[in-house]
Amino acid sequence: MKKRTIFLLLFLVQAVLYAQPRYDSGVFKPKNPKTSDLVQLMYNAKDKDLEFSDEVNANLFIFDNFTWTKLILPLQKNSDGLWTANVPVKPSTAFIGVKFFQGDSDQPDAVDNNNNLGYAVALTSAKGKPLAGSYLAEAAFQAPGITGGEILSYYTNPPDSLEQAYLKTSGAKESALLGKNYLNYFHSFMNLQKLGLGNEFPAYARKFVTDALADKGLDDETLGVFYNYANARLKDANLTKFIQNRVYSDFPNGATARFMAYNNAMLASSDQAQAIGAYEEFLKRFPIAQWRKNPNNQNFIYYAVYRGLGSSYFESKQFDKFVSLFDDLDFRTGNELMRWNIMRAYMFKTVGKDTLYSISEAIMPKLISRKDDQSYKQDFDSKAQADSNVVKNLDDRLFTHISLLNDLKKYTEARRYFLELSEKGKYENAELNEINLQVLEGLNDDKQILPLLEMSARYNAMTPRMFEKLKAIYLKGHNGDEKGYQSYLASLKSDEEKAEMKAYVDHNWVNHPMPDFRLETAEGSFLNT
């Protein structure tokens, strides 16, 4: 009986330990904060790495609206030697983690995150009730892969794994708090359940999704979440098919139906004819003009479909159909089709130049006309970066087209396209400058040759023939006297290049006294210096 009692006590102690988080909440006041409370940090740096720091900051990791955000707070040292700050809290703030540091937050001089165990606290509502997401955040704070996001940067080293029993308990508690907005953190919630349930998870997930689908009022977005999860995560063909049928019945022209049709098109047979048929069927069912009336974040679908269809048309030599695609394309997609098909065909000589010219000439004006459509905007952090990318790509496409025109001796057309290049693109490429020289020579436009050569020299983008041509023009204008040619050539260098050269010389200049040395002359005598 005594042994049994001891065993039960040990079991209960172990269960309690599993149910407790390993982080320290003692730096937060009050001890169990509500979202309506004034929440404060009270950090004692004694016997820690920051004990002798003159300035300590707090890096907060806040779980609000089911997303992690970071906030840097400067701390003030009070009369008791504690570093303090008030923490901003919203009604939707479910959890707060913190680590303390000195210096720059990205590369701190010293850090205290409780020896990789963490400092954190879960909040309750103003009425003292657990908030949806709080148990999820508690687990994710200790196992960041559950949610990903900003919390991944909390730990210096990967934290130790959590006990499955603890994760299972956290998952059960979070399940009890599920509300109408659970789709906002559905994937994170399921990640927690997967870790906690282990081998029991697949059955749990299928039941969860199936039970949710019993609601006949689910909207298209919700069905899309379930479709993606059943198809990509669970890989449950039957459940995926069930959701597909529901979507096609309730929202046949919606975003989820479009995505499913795209998925099917991309998974079509490797046979080129069948792939073309699948792409064409998708565009017939979900034309891009229809999507543009009410665009969402599915522009990647049309980029991929047109890229696949365009390449298939080009490879199968259906060039008329390839060209016709450009009536619908934005600059971003059109640029990619030209890069992948026209440029490669020119480089590897897979299509005759006359044929390639007819294709490229039909497309290039359309591409130029769309350079300001902002279609690269979503790929960059700023408009300036996106615009710079457009300029570079258009210059590259023009380079190929101009090269083709020069090969075919279509000099008038080539010269016209030179004017479409950016100011930088007109002169910074030696190979293109050489082509421009050939075009001007082909047009007998001698007046433009010297300005071209001088500008190319300023950009330090000259071929050997261009140097020869420049020197010949100089000598012709100076009665064959090349005395001042090098000075003339040096004067053409840009101010930036001159400044760079001076900086290089100044940086590498070695100002040491020359040591004495002895030199023997041809006559056998010696010179001492």
Protein backbone atom coordinates (compact mmCIF):
# COMPACT_ATOMS: atom_id res chain seq x y z
CA MET A 1 0.00 0.00 0.00
CA LYS A 2 2.84 2.36 0.94
CA LYS A 3 4.65 1.70 -2.38
CA ARG A 4 1.45 2.35 -4.31
CA THR A 5 0.95 5.66 -2.53
CA ILE A 6 4.52 6.75 -3.31
CA PHE A 7 4.04 5.79 -6.97
CA LEU A 8 0.84 7.84 -7.23
CA LEU A 9 2.52 10.84 -5.62
CA LEU A 10 5.42 10.64 -8.08
CA PHE A 11 2.99 10.33 -10.98
CA LEU A 12 1.06 13.41 -9.85
CA VAL A 13 4.26 15.41 -9.39
CA GLN A 14 5.38 14.44 -12.90
CA ALA A 15 2.00 15.40 -14.35
CA VAL A 16 2.14 18.79 -12.64
CA LEU A 17 5.65 19.39 -13.95
CA TYR A 18 4.54 18.54 -17.48
CA ALA A 19 1.65 20.99 -17.14
CA GLN A 20 3.93 23.89 -16.16
CA PRO A 21 5.70 26.14 -18.65
CA ARG A 22 9.45 26.42 -18.22
CA TYR A 23 9.69 30.19 -18.71
CA ASP A 24 9.85 32.72 -15.85
CA SER A 25 6.94 35.18 -15.42
CA GLY A 26 8.42 36.92 -12.41
CA VAL A 27 9.64 39.96 -14.38
CA PHE A 28 6.02 40.98 -15.08
CA LYS A 29 3.75 42.83 -12.66
CA PRO A 30 1.05 42.01 -11.71
CA LYS A 31 1.77 38.30 -11.45
CA ASN A 32 -1.32 37.20 -13.43
CA PRO A 33 -2.10 40.24 -15.58
CA LYS A 34 -5.42 41.02 -17.24
CA THR A 35 -5.64 42.97 -20.47
CA SER A 36 -7.25 45.77 -18.46
CA ASP A 37 -4.28 46.02 -16.05
CA LEU A 38 -1.28 48.30 -16.17
CA VAL A 39 1.38 45.73 -17.04
CA GLN A 40 4.94 46.53 -16.00
CA LEU A 41 8.38 45.03 -16.40
CA MET A 42 10.44 44.76 -13.20
CA TYR A 43 13.82 43.32 -14.13
CA ASN A 44 16.55 42.61 -11.60
CA ALA A 45 19.89 42.26 -13.41
CA LYS A 46 21.86 41.21 -10.31
CA ASP A 47 24.07 38.16 -10.94
CA LYS A 48 23.12 38.22 -14.63
CA ASP A 49 25.03 39.21 -17.76
CA LEU A 50 23.48 42.68 -17.69
CA GLU A 51 24.32 43.39 -14.03
CA PHE A 52 26.86 46.13 -14.80
CA SER A 53 25.13 47.58 -17.86
CA ASP A 54 24.44 51.32 -17.88
CA GLU A 55 21.60 50.92 -20.36
CA VAL A 56 19.18 48.01 -20.63
CA ASN A 57 16.40 47.56 -23.19
CA ALA A 58 13.54 45.10 -23.49
CA ASN A 59 12.77 43.25 -26.72
CA LEU A 60 9.07 42.35 -26.44
CA PHE A 61 7.47 39.51 -28.42
CA ILE A 62 3.73 40.15 -28.33
CA PHE A 63 1.10 37.63 -29.48
CA ASP A 64 -1.82 39.81 -30.55
CA ASN A 65 -4.61 38.83 -32.94
CA PHE A 66 -2.87 35.46 -33.36
CA THR A 67 0.31 37.02 -34.75
CA TRP A 68 3.72 37.70 -33.20
CA THR A 69 5.02 41.26 -33.33
CA LYS A 70 8.20 42.76 -31.85
CA LEU A 71 8.58 45.98 -29.87
CA ILE A 72 11.71 47.53 -28.36
CA LEU A 73 11.27 49.33 -25.03
CA PRO A 74 13.99 51.32 -23.21
CA LEU A 75 14.08 50.57 -19.47
CA GLN A 76 14.61 52.98 -16.60
CA LYS A 77 16.44 52.02 -13.41
CA ASN A 78 14.45 52.80 -10.27
CA SER A 79 15.65 53.51 -6.72
CA ASP A 80 15.54 49.79 -5.88
CA GLY A 81 17.95 48.99 -8.72
CA LEU A 82 15.24 47.40 -10.89
CA TRP A 83 14.95 48.12 -14.60
CA THR A 84 11.33 49.07 -15.32
CA ALA A 85 8.93 50.00 -18.14
CA ASN A 86 5.21 50.00 -18.82
CA VAL A 87 4.13 47.41 -21.39
CA PRO A 88 1.46 48.38 -23.96
CA VAL A 89 -1.44 45.92 -23.84
CA LYS A 90 -4.58 45.65 -25.99
CA PRO A 91 -7.78 43.67 -25.31
CA SER A 92 -6.56 41.22 -27.98
CA THR A 93 -3.09 40.70 -26.42
CA ALA A 94 -2.92 37.07 -25.32
CA PHE A 95 0.75 36.57 -24.48
CA ILE A 96 3.98 38.54 -24.05
CA GLY A 97 7.55 37.29 -24.12
CA VAL A 98 10.58 39.45 -23.38
CA LYS A 99 14.35 39.30 -23.47
CA PHE A 100 16.66 41.97 -22.13
CA PHE A 101 19.70 43.32 -23.91
CA GLN A 102 22.36 45.99 -24.10
CA GLY A 103 23.38 47.64 -27.38
CA ASP A 104 21.83 47.08 -30.79
CA SER A 105 18.82 44.75 -30.84
CA ASP A 106 20.07 42.89 -33.94
CA GLN A 107 23.64 42.53 -32.65
CA PRO A 108 23.48 43.10 -28.89
CA ASP A 109 26.52 43.34 -26.66
CA ALA A 110 24.83 41.24 -23.97
CA VAL A 111 21.51 39.39 -23.70
CA ASP A 112 19.43 37.81 -20.96
CA ASN A 113 16.65 35.45 -22.03
CA ASN A 114 16.74 33.39 -18.82
CA ASN A 115 19.41 31.01 -20.09
CA ASN A 116 17.28 30.12 -23.12
CA LEU A 117 14.26 29.26 -20.95
CA GLY A 118 12.59 32.59 -21.57
CA TYR A 119 10.74 35.33 -19.74
CA ALA A 120 7.03 35.47 -20.56
CA VAL A 121 3.49 35.76 -19.28
CA ALA A 122 0.01 34.82 -20.50
CA LEU A 123 -2.77 37.38 -20.12
CA THR A 124 -6.45 36.92 -19.34
CA SER A 125 -9.41 39.04 -20.37
CA ALA A 126 -10.64 41.95 -18.25
CA LYS A 127 -12.97 39.43 -16.60
CA GLY A 128 -10.12 37.05 -15.83
CA LYS A 129 -11.01 34.52 -18.54
CA PRO A 130 -8.38 32.83 -20.76
CA LEU A 131 -8.09 34.43 -24.19
CA ALA A 132 -8.30 32.52 -27.45
CA GLY A 133 -4.73 31.95 -28.61
CA SER A 134 -3.16 32.18 -25.15
CA TYR A 135 -2.40 28.45 -24.77
CA LEU A 136 -1.28 28.31 -28.39
CA ALA A 137 1.09 31.23 -27.79
CA GLU A 138 2.36 29.69 -24.54
CA ALA A 139 3.34 26.53 -26.39
CA ALA A 140 4.68 28.42 -29.43
CA PHE A 141 6.84 30.65 -27.24
CA GLN A 142 8.65 27.50 -26.10
CA ALA A 143 8.42 25.69 -29.45
CA PRO A 144 8.59 28.51 -32.05
CA GLY A 145 8.01 26.24 -35.04
CA ILE A 146 4.34 25.95 -34.06
CA THR A 147 3.55 29.43 -35.31
CA GLY A 148 6.76 30.65 -36.93
CA GLY A 149 7.05 34.40 -37.41
CA GLU A 150 8.91 36.86 -35.21
CA ILE A 151 9.15 34.44 -32.27
CA LEU A 152 11.75 32.45 -34.21
CA SER A 153 14.30 35.14 -33.37
CA TYR A 154 13.77 34.98 -29.59
CA TYR A 155 16.23 32.22 -28.77
CA THR A 156 19.99 32.33 -29.11
CA ASN A 157 20.04 28.53 -29.54
CA PRO A 158 17.14 26.23 -30.42
CA PRO A 159 15.16 25.55 -27.22
CA ASP A 160 14.80 22.03 -25.87
CA SER A 161 11.81 20.03 -27.04
CA LEU A 162 8.64 20.15 -24.98
CA GLU A 163 7.09 17.05 -23.47
CA GLN A 164 4.28 15.65 -25.60
CA ALA A 165 1.97 15.49 -22.57
CA TYR A 166 2.41 19.23 -22.00
CA LEU A 167 1.66 19.98 -25.67
CA LYS A 168 -1.37 17.72 -25.60
CA THR A 169 -2.72 19.54 -22.55
CA SER A 170 -2.09 22.92 -24.19
CA GLY A 171 -3.87 21.74 -27.34
CA ALA A 172 -6.89 20.55 -25.34
CA LYS A 173 -7.10 23.87 -23.48
CA GLU A 174 -6.86 25.84 -26.72
CA SER A 175 -9.56 23.67 -28.30
CA ALA A 176 -11.93 24.74 -25.53
CA LEU A 177 -11.38 28.39 -26.48
CA LEU A 178 -11.99 28.06 -30.23
CA GLY A 179 -14.29 30.79 -31.47
CA LYS A 180 -15.52 32.17 -34.76
CA ASN A 181 -12.07 33.45 -35.72
CA TYR A 182 -10.20 30.17 -35.40
CA LEU A 183 -9.39 30.22 -39.11
CA ASN A 184 -7.07 33.16 -38.42
CA TYR A 185 -4.73 30.73 -36.70
CA PHE A 186 -5.96 27.40 -38.06
CA HIS A 187 -2.59 26.14 -39.30
CA SER A 188 -0.80 27.07 -36.06
CA PHE A 189 -3.58 25.45 -34.04
CA MET A 190 -3.27 22.24 -36.05
CA ASN A 191 0.54 22.31 -35.67
CA LEU A 192 0.04 22.33 -31.90
CA GLN A 193 -2.44 19.45 -32.07
CA LYS A 194 -0.07 17.45 -34.26
CA LEU A 195 2.78 17.77 -31.77
CA GLY A 196 0.53 16.93 -28.84
CA LEU A 197 -1.44 14.05 -30.35
CA GLY A 198 1.33 12.29 -32.27
CA ASN A 199 -0.03 9.23 -34.07
CA GLU A 200 -3.58 10.17 -33.09
CA PHE A 201 -3.41 13.41 -35.07
CA PRO A 202 -4.45 12.27 -38.61
CA ALA A 203 -7.75 10.91 -37.32
CA TYR A 204 -8.28 14.03 -35.19
CA ALA A 205 -7.59 16.35 -38.14
CA ARG A 206 -9.96 14.49 -40.47
CA LYS A 207 -12.72 14.59 -37.86
CA PHE A 208 -12.09 18.27 -37.15
CA VAL A 209 -12.36 19.25 -40.81
CA THR A 210 -15.31 16.93 -41.49
CA ASP A 211 -17.22 18.29 -38.50
CA ALA A 212 -16.51 21.86 -39.62
CA LEU A 213 -17.82 21.07 -43.12
CA ALA A 214 -21.19 20.16 -41.61
CA ASP A 215 -21.84 23.91 -41.45
CA LYS A 216 -23.66 24.68 -44.70
CA GLY A 217 -22.95 28.39 -44.30
CA LEU A 218 -19.18 28.22 -44.77
CA ASP A 219 -17.86 30.87 -47.13
CA ASP A 220 -15.46 30.40 -50.03
CA GLU A 221 -12.38 31.50 -48.05
CA THR A 222 -13.05 28.99 -45.27
CA LEU A 223 -13.53 26.17 -47.74
CA GLY A 224 -10.25 27.22 -49.34
CA VAL A 225 -8.41 26.86 -46.04
CA PHE A 226 -9.83 23.37 -45.54
CA TYR A 227 -9.08 22.35 -49.14
CA ASN A 228 -5.44 23.42 -48.87
CA TYR A 229 -5.02 21.62 -45.57
CA ALA A 230 -6.66 18.39 -46.70
CA ASN A 231 -4.76 18.39 -49.98
CA ALA A 232 -1.28 19.62 -48.98
CA ARG A 233 -0.96 18.69 -45.29
CA LEU A 234 -3.18 15.67 -44.73
CA LYS A 235 -2.82 14.39 -48.30
CA ASP A 236 -6.25 12.84 -47.89
CA ALA A 237 -7.57 12.26 -51.42
CA ASN A 238 -11.12 11.42 -50.33
CA LEU A 239 -11.48 14.45 -48.07
CA THR A 240 -9.93 16.68 -50.72
CA LYS A 241 -12.39 15.41 -53.34
CA PHE A 242 -15.30 15.97 -50.95
CA ILE A 243 -14.26 19.59 -50.41
CA GLN A 244 -13.71 20.10 -54.15
CA ASN A 245 -17.27 19.03 -54.89
CA ARG A 246 -18.57 21.36 -52.19
CA VAL A 247 -16.63 24.30 -53.63
CA TYR A 248 -17.71 23.66 -57.22
CA SER A 249 -21.30 23.44 -56.03
CA ASP A 250 -21.37 26.50 -53.74
CA PHE A 251 -18.78 28.80 -55.33
CA PRO A 252 -18.06 27.61 -58.90
CA ASN A 253 -16.43 30.90 -59.95
CA GLY A 254 -14.75 31.79 -56.65
CA ALA A 255 -11.13 32.06 -55.60
CA THR A 256 -10.97 28.51 -54.23
CA ALA A 257 -12.41 27.02 -57.42
CA ARG A 258 -9.84 29.01 -59.38
CA PHE A 259 -7.03 27.70 -57.20
CA MET A 260 -8.24 24.11 -57.48
CA ALA A 261 -8.49 24.41 -61.27
CA TYR A 262 -4.97 25.85 -61.31
CA ASN A 263 -3.72 22.94 -59.21
CA ASN A 264 -5.26 20.47 -61.63
CA ALA A 265 -3.79 22.30 -64.64
CA MET A 266 -0.30 22.27 -63.14
CA LEU A 267 -0.58 18.56 -62.40
CA ALA A 268 -1.69 17.72 -65.95
CA SER A 269 0.11 15.12 -68.03
CA SER A 270 3.72 15.71 -69.01
CA ASP A 271 2.53 15.23 -72.59
CA GLN A 272 2.85 18.68 -74.15
CA ALA A 273 -0.44 18.59 -76.05
CA GLN A 274 -2.36 17.58 -72.94
CA ALA A 275 -0.60 20.23 -70.88
CA ILE A 276 -1.54 22.89 -73.44
CA GLY A 277 -5.14 21.70 -73.32
CA ALA A 278 -5.17 21.97 -69.53
CA TYR A 279 -3.76 25.50 -69.55
CA GLU A 280 -6.21 26.61 -72.25
CA GLU A 281 -9.14 25.09 -70.39
CA PHE A 282 -8.14 26.93 -67.21
CA LEU A 283 -7.97 30.30 -69.01
CA LYS A 284 -11.29 29.64 -70.72
CA ARG A 285 -12.97 28.90 -67.41
CA PHE A 286 -11.20 31.63 -65.43
CA PRO A 287 -10.15 34.34 -67.91
CA ILE A 288 -7.70 36.90 -66.63
CA ALA A 289 -10.00 39.76 -67.65
CA GLN A 290 -12.57 38.44 -65.19
CA TRP A 291 -10.00 38.24 -62.39
CA ARG A 292 -8.80 41.79 -63.05
CA LYS A 293 -12.29 43.14 -62.33
CA ASN A 294 -11.91 41.98 -58.73
CA PRO A 295 -8.22 41.05 -58.22
CA ASN A 296 -7.02 39.20 -55.13
CA ASN A 297 -3.66 37.68 -54.21
CA GLN A 298 -3.91 35.01 -56.95
CA ASN A 299 -1.93 36.87 -59.59
CA PHE A 300 0.75 34.18 -59.13
CA ILE A 301 -1.70 31.72 -60.71
CA TYR A 302 -1.90 33.62 -63.98
CA TYR A 303 1.85 34.19 -64.02
CA ALA A 304 2.46 30.44 -63.73
CA VAL A 305 -0.25 29.46 -66.23
CA TYR A 306 0.83 31.94 -68.90
CA ARG A 307 4.46 31.03 -68.35
CA GLY A 308 3.69 27.33 -68.82
CA LEU A 309 1.38 27.86 -71.78
CA GLY A 310 3.73 30.34 -73.47
CA SER A 311 6.69 27.97 -73.19
CA SER A 312 4.59 25.08 -74.50
CA TYR A 313 3.42 27.14 -77.49
CA PHE A 314 6.98 28.23 -78.24
CA GLU A 315 8.50 24.76 -77.93
CA SER A 316 5.80 23.31 -80.17
CA LYS A 317 6.39 26.16 -82.67
CA GLN A 318 2.87 27.54 -82.34
CA PHE A 319 4.30 31.02 -82.65
CA ASP A 320 1.07 32.80 -83.61
CA LYS A 321 -0.55 31.58 -80.40
CA PHE A 322 2.54 32.56 -78.44
CA VAL A 323 2.35 36.12 -79.77
CA SER A 324 -1.41 36.35 -79.13
CA LEU A 325 -0.85 35.71 -75.41
CA PHE A 326 0.77 39.13 -75.11
CA ASP A 327 -2.58 40.82 -75.63
CA ASP A 328 -3.42 39.76 -72.06
CA LEU A 329 -0.07 39.92 -70.29
CA ASP A 330 1.26 42.50 -67.85
CA PHE A 331 4.90 43.59 -68.04
CA ARG A 332 6.08 41.13 -65.39
CA THR A 333 4.67 38.06 -67.15
CA GLY A 334 5.50 39.28 -70.65
CA ASN A 335 9.07 39.97 -69.63
CA GLU A 336 9.44 36.43 -68.31
CA LEU A 337 8.04 34.88 -71.49
CA MET A 338 10.47 36.90 -73.60
CA ARG A 339 13.41 36.08 -71.34
CA TRP A 340 12.73 32.35 -71.22
CA ASN A 341 11.77 31.88 -74.86
CA ILE A 342 13.06 34.66 -77.14
CA MET A 343 16.38 35.27 -75.41
CA ARG A 344 17.19 31.56 -75.07
CA ALA A 345 16.20 30.86 -78.67
CA TYR A 346 18.54 33.65 -79.81
CA MET A 347 21.44 32.52 -77.62
CA PHE A 348 21.19 28.82 -78.49
CA LYS A 349 20.10 29.34 -82.12
CA THR A 350 17.07 27.05 -81.80
CA VAL A 351 14.87 29.22 -84.04
CA GLY A 352 15.81 30.85 -87.34
CA LYS A 353 16.56 34.56 -87.05
CA ASP A 354 13.94 35.64 -89.58
CA THR A 355 11.26 33.71 -87.69
CA LEU A 356 12.53 34.95 -84.35
CA TYR A 357 12.46 38.52 -85.65
CA SER A 358 8.81 38.25 -86.65
CA ILE A 359 7.94 37.01 -83.15
CA SER A 360 10.06 39.47 -81.23
CA GLU A 361 9.03 42.47 -83.33
CA ALA A 362 5.34 41.70 -82.73
CA ILE A 363 5.89 41.49 -78.97
CA MET A 364 8.41 44.22 -78.12
CA PRO A 365 6.10 47.24 -78.63
CA LYS A 366 3.51 45.63 -76.34
CA LEU A 367 6.10 45.02 -73.65
CA ILE A 368 7.36 48.62 -73.86
CA SER A 369 3.82 49.98 -73.59
CA ARG A 370 3.31 48.15 -70.27
CA LYS A 371 6.52 49.14 -68.51
CA ASP A 372 4.62 51.47 -66.16
CA ASP A 373 1.90 49.00 -65.10
CA GLN A 374 3.47 48.39 -61.65
CA SER A 375 3.18 44.61 -62.07
CA TYR A 376 6.47 44.06 -60.20
CA LYS A 377 5.24 46.03 -57.19
CA GLN A 378 4.44 42.97 -55.05
CA ASP A 379 7.97 41.59 -55.48
CA PHE A 380 9.78 44.52 -53.86
CA ASP A 381 9.72 46.56 -50.67
CA SER A 382 9.49 49.91 -52.43
CA LYS A 383 8.29 51.44 -55.67
CA ALA A 384 11.83 52.64 -56.42
CA GLN A 385 13.16 49.07 -56.27
CA ALA A 386 10.34 47.78 -58.47
CA ASP A 387 10.87 50.56 -61.03
CA SER A 388 14.61 49.89 -61.11
CA ASN A 389 13.94 46.22 -61.79
CA VAL A 390 11.62 47.10 -64.69
CA VAL A 391 14.28 49.34 -66.24
CA LYS A 392 16.94 46.64 -66.00
CA ASN A 393 14.71 43.93 -67.45
CA LEU A 394 13.48 46.10 -70.30
CA ASP A 395 17.08 46.98 -71.15
CA ASP A 396 17.91 43.26 -71.23
CA ARG A 397 14.99 42.44 -73.53
CA LEU A 398 15.89 45.36 -75.81
CA PHE A 399 19.49 44.13 -75.91
CA THR A 400 18.36 40.81 -77.36
CA HIS A 401 15.99 42.44 -79.85
CA ILE A 402 18.55 45.01 -81.01
CA SER A 403 21.17 42.28 -81.42
CA LEU A 404 18.75 40.34 -83.61
CA LEU A 405 17.97 43.42 -85.71
CA ASN A 406 21.68 44.14 -86.18
CA ASP A 407 22.33 40.56 -87.29
CA LEU A 408 19.61 40.98 -89.91
CA LYS A 409 21.00 44.40 -90.91
CA LYS A 410 17.72 46.10 -89.98
CA TYR A 411 19.65 49.16 -88.84
CA THR A 412 16.83 51.71 -88.94
CA GLU A 413 14.67 49.59 -86.64
CA ALA A 414 17.63 48.82 -84.38
CA ARG A 415 18.43 52.53 -84.00
CA ARG A 416 14.80 53.24 -83.08
CA TYR A 417 14.93 50.67 -80.27
CA PHE A 418 18.22 52.08 -78.99
CA LEU A 419 16.27 55.18 -78.05
CA GLU A 420 14.04 53.06 -75.78
CA LEU A 421 16.99 52.05 -73.60
CA SER A 422 17.49 53.74 -70.25
CA GLU A 423 20.28 56.33 -70.05
CA LYS A 424 22.42 53.83 -68.19
CA GLY A 425 21.46 50.99 -70.52
CA LYS A 426 22.50 52.96 -73.61
CA TYR A 427 26.18 53.04 -72.70
CA GLU A 428 27.17 50.73 -69.82
CA ASN A 429 27.44 47.51 -71.88
CA ALA A 430 30.47 47.29 -74.18
CA GLU A 431 28.92 44.61 -76.36
CA LEU A 432 25.78 46.68 -76.91
CA ASN A 433 27.89 49.78 -77.59
CA GLU A 434 29.75 47.84 -80.26
CA ILE A 435 26.40 46.88 -81.83
CA ASN A 436 25.32 50.52 -81.73
CA LEU A 437 28.52 51.46 -83.54
CA GLN A 438 27.80 48.84 -86.21
CA VAL A 439 24.26 50.20 -86.61
CA LEU A 440 25.48 53.79 -87.01
CA GLU A 441 28.06 52.63 -89.54
CA GLY A 442 25.35 50.70 -91.38
CA LEU A 443 23.24 53.88 -91.50
CA ASN A 444 26.27 56.00 -92.50
CA ASP A 445 25.41 58.25 -89.57
CA ASP A 446 28.95 59.50 -88.94
CA LYS A 447 27.77 62.47 -86.87
CA GLN A 448 26.52 60.17 -84.10
CA ILE A 449 29.57 57.93 -83.94
CA LEU A 450 31.89 60.25 -82.00
CA PRO A 451 29.25 61.09 -79.32
CA LEU A 452 28.60 57.35 -78.93
CA LEU A 453 32.29 56.57 -78.51
CA GLU A 454 32.85 59.39 -76.03
CA MET A 455 29.86 58.40 -73.90
CA SER A 456 30.94 54.75 -73.99
CA ALA A 457 34.39 55.81 -72.80
CA ARG A 458 32.79 57.73 -69.92
CA TYR A 459 31.05 54.52 -68.87
CA ASN A 460 34.30 52.55 -69.39
CA ALA A 461 32.43 50.21 -71.74
CA MET A 462 34.53 50.03 -74.92
CA THR A 463 35.60 47.18 -77.16
CA PRO A 464 39.10 47.19 -78.73
CA ARG A 465 37.58 48.17 -82.10
CA MET A 466 35.82 51.11 -80.48
CA PHE A 467 39.14 52.36 -79.06
CA GLU A 468 40.69 52.04 -82.51
CA LYS A 469 37.77 53.96 -84.04
CA LEU A 470 37.99 56.71 -81.42
CA LYS A 471 41.72 57.09 -81.95
CA ALA A 472 41.30 57.21 -85.72
CA ILE A 473 38.72 60.01 -85.41
CA TYR A 474 41.02 61.92 -83.03
CA LEU A 475 44.03 61.62 -85.33
CA LYS A 476 41.97 62.72 -88.32
CA GLY A 477 41.00 65.87 -86.45
CA HIS A 478 44.58 66.57 -85.29
CA ASN A 479 46.54 66.07 -88.50
CA GLY A 480 47.76 62.67 -87.40
CA ASP A 481 49.36 64.03 -84.22
CA GLU A 482 48.65 61.66 -81.34
CA LYS A 483 50.55 63.72 -78.78
CA GLY A 484 47.43 64.76 -76.81
CA TYR A 485 45.42 61.58 -77.34
CA GLN A 486 46.03 60.03 -73.92
CA SER A 487 45.06 63.27 -72.19
CA TYR A 488 41.94 63.45 -74.33
CA LEU A 489 41.08 59.85 -73.47
CA ALA A 490 41.62 60.48 -69.76
CA SER A 491 39.36 63.53 -69.93
CA LEU A 492 36.51 61.30 -71.05
CA LYS A 493 36.46 59.33 -67.82
CA SER A 494 33.55 60.17 -65.57
CA ASP A 495 34.09 62.20 -62.40
CA GLU A 496 32.96 59.18 -60.38
CA GLU A 497 35.56 56.94 -62.01
CA LYS A 498 38.29 59.53 -61.43
CA ALA A 499 37.28 59.84 -57.79
CA GLU A 500 37.30 56.05 -57.38
CA MET A 501 40.75 55.81 -58.94
CA LYS A 502 42.12 58.58 -56.68
CA ALA A 503 40.59 56.92 -53.60
CA TYR A 504 42.17 53.60 -54.58
CA VAL A 505 45.61 55.17 -55.05
CA ASP A 506 45.34 57.11 -51.79
CA HIS A 507 44.27 54.00 -49.90
CA ASN A 508 47.07 51.83 -51.28
CA TRP A 509 49.79 54.46 -51.27
CA VAL A 510 52.83 53.26 -49.29
CA ASN A 511 54.90 56.13 -47.95
CA HIS A 512 58.09 54.40 -46.76
CA PRO A 513 61.66 55.68 -47.29
CA MET A 514 63.53 53.88 -50.06
CA PRO A 515 66.30 51.74 -48.54
CA ASP A 516 69.88 52.29 -49.67
CA PHE A 517 70.99 49.99 -52.45
CA ARG A 518 74.11 49.42 -54.58
CA LEU A 519 73.89 49.08 -58.38
CA GLU A 520 76.62 47.71 -60.63
CA THR A 521 77.05 49.48 -64.00
CA ALA A 522 77.91 47.84 -67.33
CA GLU A 523 81.51 49.00 -66.88
CA GLY A 524 81.87 47.15 -63.57
CA SER A 525 81.79 50.16 -61.30
CA PHE A 526 79.19 50.63 -58.53
CA LEU A 527 76.62 53.33 -57.82
CA ASN A 528 75.46 53.83 -54.23
CA THR A 529 72.10 55.44 -53.38
